[in-house]
Amino acid sequence: MNALYDFFLTPQPKDSNKTRYHARLVVRDTITLEDIAETIESRSSLRQSDVIGSFIEFANVFKQELSNGNSIHIPGIGSFRIKAESPEVRSPKEIRAENIHCSGIVFTPEKICFAN
């Protein structure tokens, strides 16, 4: 892995006198869709505008499929699915659809997606 990392102090319980550190990745830069499209354009016969259009349509289909309750698997990257939350109830009969909401997207990376 070529990612940069740094060490940070790990929080400890108040009654502990131990000092522990953990590694955390450091973000180098933010890469935009235009940057990615430019790179793909330089490596293929596609124009940057075609790549951007494809990514926009990909995002639309991605959102639609997640909204339909499907998970999405992208080889070499991983899988995505919607995470839902609702209040606790004593019986399934007590829950209402309006109390269930999307709380995010769960990403499960491929086991070897960052191998060199």
C-alpha atoms as a PDB file:
ATOM      1  CA  MET A   1       0.000   0.000   0.000  1.00  0.00           C
ATOM      2  CA  ASN A   2       1.360   3.409  -0.957  1.00  0.00           C
ATOM      3  CA  ALA A   3      -0.964   5.376   1.306  1.00  0.00           C
ATOM      4  CA  LEU A   4       0.528   7.785   3.831  1.00  0.00           C
ATOM      5  CA  TYR A   5      -0.115   7.209   7.489  1.00  0.00           C
ATOM      6  CA  ASP A   6       0.695   8.876  10.784  1.00  0.00           C
ATOM      7  CA  PHE A   7       0.451   7.821  14.432  1.00  0.00           C
ATOM      8  CA  PHE A   8      -2.152   9.199  16.800  1.00  0.00           C
ATOM      9  CA  LEU A   9      -2.669   8.840  20.526  1.00  0.00           C
ATOM     10  CA  THR A  10      -5.334   6.229  21.289  1.00  0.00           C
ATOM     11  CA  PRO A  11      -7.868   7.456  23.864  1.00  0.00           C
ATOM     12  CA  GLN A  12      -7.626   5.490  27.103  1.00  0.00           C
ATOM     13  CA  PRO A  13     -10.015   5.179  30.062  1.00  0.00           C
ATOM     14  CA  LYS A  14      -9.539   7.918  32.654  1.00  0.00           C
ATOM     15  CA  ASP A  15      -8.160   5.523  35.246  1.00  0.00           C
ATOM     16  CA  SER A  16      -5.559   4.136  32.838  1.00  0.00           C
ATOM     17  CA  ASN A  17      -1.999   5.441  32.775  1.00  0.00           C
ATOM     18  CA  LYS A  18      -1.098   3.577  29.592  1.00  0.00           C
ATOM     19  CA  THR A  19      -0.033   5.403  26.450  1.00  0.00           C
ATOM     20  CA  ARG A  20      -0.993   3.720  23.212  1.00  0.00           C
ATOM     21  CA  TYR A  21      -0.812   4.852  19.597  1.00  0.00           C
ATOM     22  CA  HIS A  22      -2.561   3.750  16.436  1.00  0.00           C
ATOM     23  CA  ALA A  23      -1.907   4.359  12.750  1.00  0.00           C
ATOM     24  CA  ARG A  24      -4.369   6.387  10.722  1.00  0.00           C
ATOM     25  CA  LEU A  25      -4.262   7.062   7.003  1.00  0.00           C
ATOM     26  CA  VAL A  26      -3.552  10.645   6.000  1.00  0.00           C
ATOM     27  CA  VAL A  27      -5.539  12.013   3.064  1.00  0.00           C
ATOM     28  CA  ARG A  28      -3.134  13.430   0.505  1.00  0.00           C
ATOM     29  CA  ASP A  29      -5.584  15.231  -1.724  1.00  0.00           C
ATOM     30  CA  THR A  30      -9.157  15.152  -3.012  1.00  0.00           C
ATOM     31  CA  ILE A  31      -9.506  13.806  -6.529  1.00  0.00           C
ATOM     32  CA  THR A  32     -12.500  15.124  -8.478  1.00  0.00           C
ATOM     33  CA  LEU A  33     -14.610  13.441 -11.120  1.00  0.00           C
ATOM     34  CA  GLU A  34     -12.917  15.675 -13.689  1.00  0.00           C
ATOM     35  CA  ASP A  35      -9.497  14.456 -12.538  1.00  0.00           C
ATOM     36  CA  ILE A  36     -10.584  10.833 -12.875  1.00  0.00           C
ATOM     37  CA  ALA A  37     -12.148  11.470 -16.279  1.00  0.00           C
ATOM     38  CA  GLU A  38      -8.949  13.166 -17.467  1.00  0.00           C
ATOM     39  CA  THR A  39      -6.878  10.156 -16.387  1.00  0.00           C
ATOM     40  CA  ILE A  40      -9.251   7.715 -18.080  1.00  0.00           C
ATOM     41  CA  GLU A  41      -9.193   9.853 -21.228  1.00  0.00           C
ATOM     42  CA  SER A  42      -5.387   9.680 -21.291  1.00  0.00           C
ATOM     43  CA  ARG A  43      -5.483   5.867 -20.997  1.00  0.00           C
ATOM     44  CA  SER A  44      -8.255   5.109 -23.477  1.00  0.00           C
ATOM     45  CA  SER A  45     -10.051   6.245 -26.598  1.00  0.00           C
ATOM     46  CA  LEU A  46     -12.850   7.836 -24.545  1.00  0.00           C
ATOM     47  CA  ARG A  47     -13.269  11.581 -24.346  1.00  0.00           C
ATOM     48  CA  GLN A  48     -13.387  13.235 -20.929  1.00  0.00           C
ATOM     49  CA  SER A  49     -16.987  14.358 -21.521  1.00  0.00           C
ATOM     50  CA  ASP A  50     -18.026  10.761 -22.336  1.00  0.00           C
ATOM     51  CA  VAL A  51     -16.445   9.500 -19.126  1.00  0.00           C
ATOM     52  CA  ILE A  52     -18.174  12.194 -17.042  1.00  0.00           C
ATOM     53  CA  GLY A  53     -21.520  11.421 -18.690  1.00  0.00           C
ATOM     54  CA  SER A  54     -21.050   7.726 -17.954  1.00  0.00           C
ATOM     55  CA  PHE A  55     -20.201   8.422 -14.315  1.00  0.00           C
ATOM     56  CA  ILE A  56     -23.279  10.630 -13.909  1.00  0.00           C
ATOM     57  CA  GLU A  57     -25.519   7.930 -15.362  1.00  0.00           C
ATOM     58  CA  PHE A  58     -23.748   5.318 -13.212  1.00  0.00           C
ATOM     59  CA  ALA A  59     -24.558   7.410 -10.116  1.00  0.00           C
ATOM     60  CA  ASN A  60     -28.220   7.652 -11.150  1.00  0.00           C
ATOM     61  CA  VAL A  61     -28.513   3.876 -11.651  1.00  0.00           C
ATOM     62  CA  PHE A  62     -26.539   3.255  -8.429  1.00  0.00           C
ATOM     63  CA  LYS A  63     -28.992   5.360  -6.369  1.00  0.00           C
ATOM     64  CA  GLN A  64     -32.003   3.776  -8.079  1.00  0.00           C
ATOM     65  CA  GLU A  65     -30.813   0.214  -7.444  1.00  0.00           C
ATOM     66  CA  LEU A  66     -30.002   0.938  -3.797  1.00  0.00           C
ATOM     67  CA  SER A  67     -33.432   2.567  -3.394  1.00  0.00           C
ATOM     68  CA  ASN A  68     -35.003  -0.607  -4.798  1.00  0.00           C
ATOM     69  CA  GLY A  69     -33.359  -2.614  -2.013  1.00  0.00           C
ATOM     70  CA  ASN A  70     -30.590  -4.141  -4.104  1.00  0.00           C
ATOM     71  CA  SER A  71     -26.953  -4.381  -3.133  1.00  0.00           C
ATOM     72  CA  ILE A  72     -24.329  -3.419  -5.701  1.00  0.00           C
ATOM     73  CA  HIS A  73     -21.078  -5.317  -6.197  1.00  0.00           C
ATOM     74  CA  ILE A  74     -18.235  -3.781  -8.201  1.00  0.00           C
ATOM     75  CA  PRO A  75     -15.405  -6.264  -8.823  1.00  0.00           C
ATOM     76  CA  GLY A  76     -12.086  -4.999  -7.478  1.00  0.00           C
ATOM     77  CA  ILE A  77     -13.805  -2.399  -5.272  1.00  0.00           C
ATOM     78  CA  GLY A  78     -16.483  -3.993  -3.108  1.00  0.00           C
ATOM     79  CA  SER A  79     -20.196  -4.047  -2.305  1.00  0.00           C
ATOM     80  CA  PHE A  80     -22.649  -1.343  -1.293  1.00  0.00           C
ATOM     81  CA  ARG A  81     -26.052  -1.555   0.405  1.00  0.00           C
ATOM     82  CA  ILE A  82     -28.388   0.818   2.212  1.00  0.00           C
ATOM     83  CA  LYS A  83     -28.443   0.853   6.007  1.00  0.00           C
ATOM     84  CA  ALA A  84     -31.850   1.412   7.593  1.00  0.00           C
ATOM     85  CA  GLU A  85     -32.749   2.404  11.148  1.00  0.00           C
ATOM     86  CA  SER A  86     -35.982   2.406  13.106  1.00  0.00           C
ATOM     87  CA  PRO A  87     -37.032   2.868  16.717  1.00  0.00           C
ATOM     88  CA  GLU A  88     -37.203  -0.198  18.950  1.00  0.00           C
ATOM     89  CA  VAL A  89     -40.626  -1.790  19.284  1.00  0.00           C
ATOM     90  CA  ARG A  90     -42.018  -4.644  21.327  1.00  0.00           C
ATOM     91  CA  SER A  91     -43.751  -6.257  18.355  1.00  0.00           C
ATOM     92  CA  PRO A  92     -43.346  -6.041  14.553  1.00  0.00           C
ATOM     93  CA  LYS A  93     -47.009  -4.927  14.456  1.00  0.00           C
ATOM     94  CA  GLU A  94     -45.992  -1.642  16.144  1.00  0.00           C
ATOM     95  CA  ILE A  95     -43.573  -0.483  13.443  1.00  0.00           C
ATOM     96  CA  ARG A  96     -44.715   1.844  10.672  1.00  0.00           C
ATOM     97  CA  ALA A  97     -43.009   2.475   7.333  1.00  0.00           C
ATOM     98  CA  GLU A  98     -42.686   6.183   8.119  1.00  0.00           C
ATOM     99  CA  ASN A  99     -40.508   5.290  11.139  1.00  0.00           C
ATOM    100  CA  ILE A 100     -37.941   3.437   9.015  1.00  0.00           C
ATOM    101  CA  HIS A 101     -35.328   5.672   7.393  1.00  0.00           C
ATOM    102  CA  CYS A 102     -32.099   5.331   5.479  1.00  0.00           C
ATOM    103  CA  SER A 103     -29.176   6.104   7.743  1.00  0.00           C
ATOM    104  CA  GLY A 104     -26.368   5.673   5.239  1.00  0.00           C
ATOM    105  CA  ILE A 105     -24.666   3.317   2.870  1.00  0.00           C
ATOM    106  CA  VAL A 106     -22.654   0.308   4.041  1.00  0.00           C
ATOM    107  CA  PHE A 107     -19.491  -0.312   2.012  1.00  0.00           C
ATOM    108  CA  THR A 108     -17.745  -3.678   2.232  1.00  0.00           C
ATOM    109  CA  PRO A 109     -14.408  -3.511   0.396  1.00  0.00           C
ATOM    110  CA  GLU A 110     -13.001  -6.365  -1.635  1.00  0.00           C
ATOM    111  CA  LYS A 111     -10.375  -8.236   0.367  1.00  0.00           C
ATOM    112  CA  ILE A 112      -7.629  -7.505  -2.160  1.00  0.00           C
ATOM    113  CA  CYS A 113      -8.757  -4.157  -3.584  1.00  0.00           C
ATOM    114  CA  PHE A 114      -5.658  -2.270  -2.399  1.00  0.00           C
ATOM    115  CA  ALA A 115      -3.044  -4.862  -3.306  1.00  0.00           C
ATOM    116  CA  ASN A 116      -0.145  -3.596  -5.414  1.00  0.00           C
END
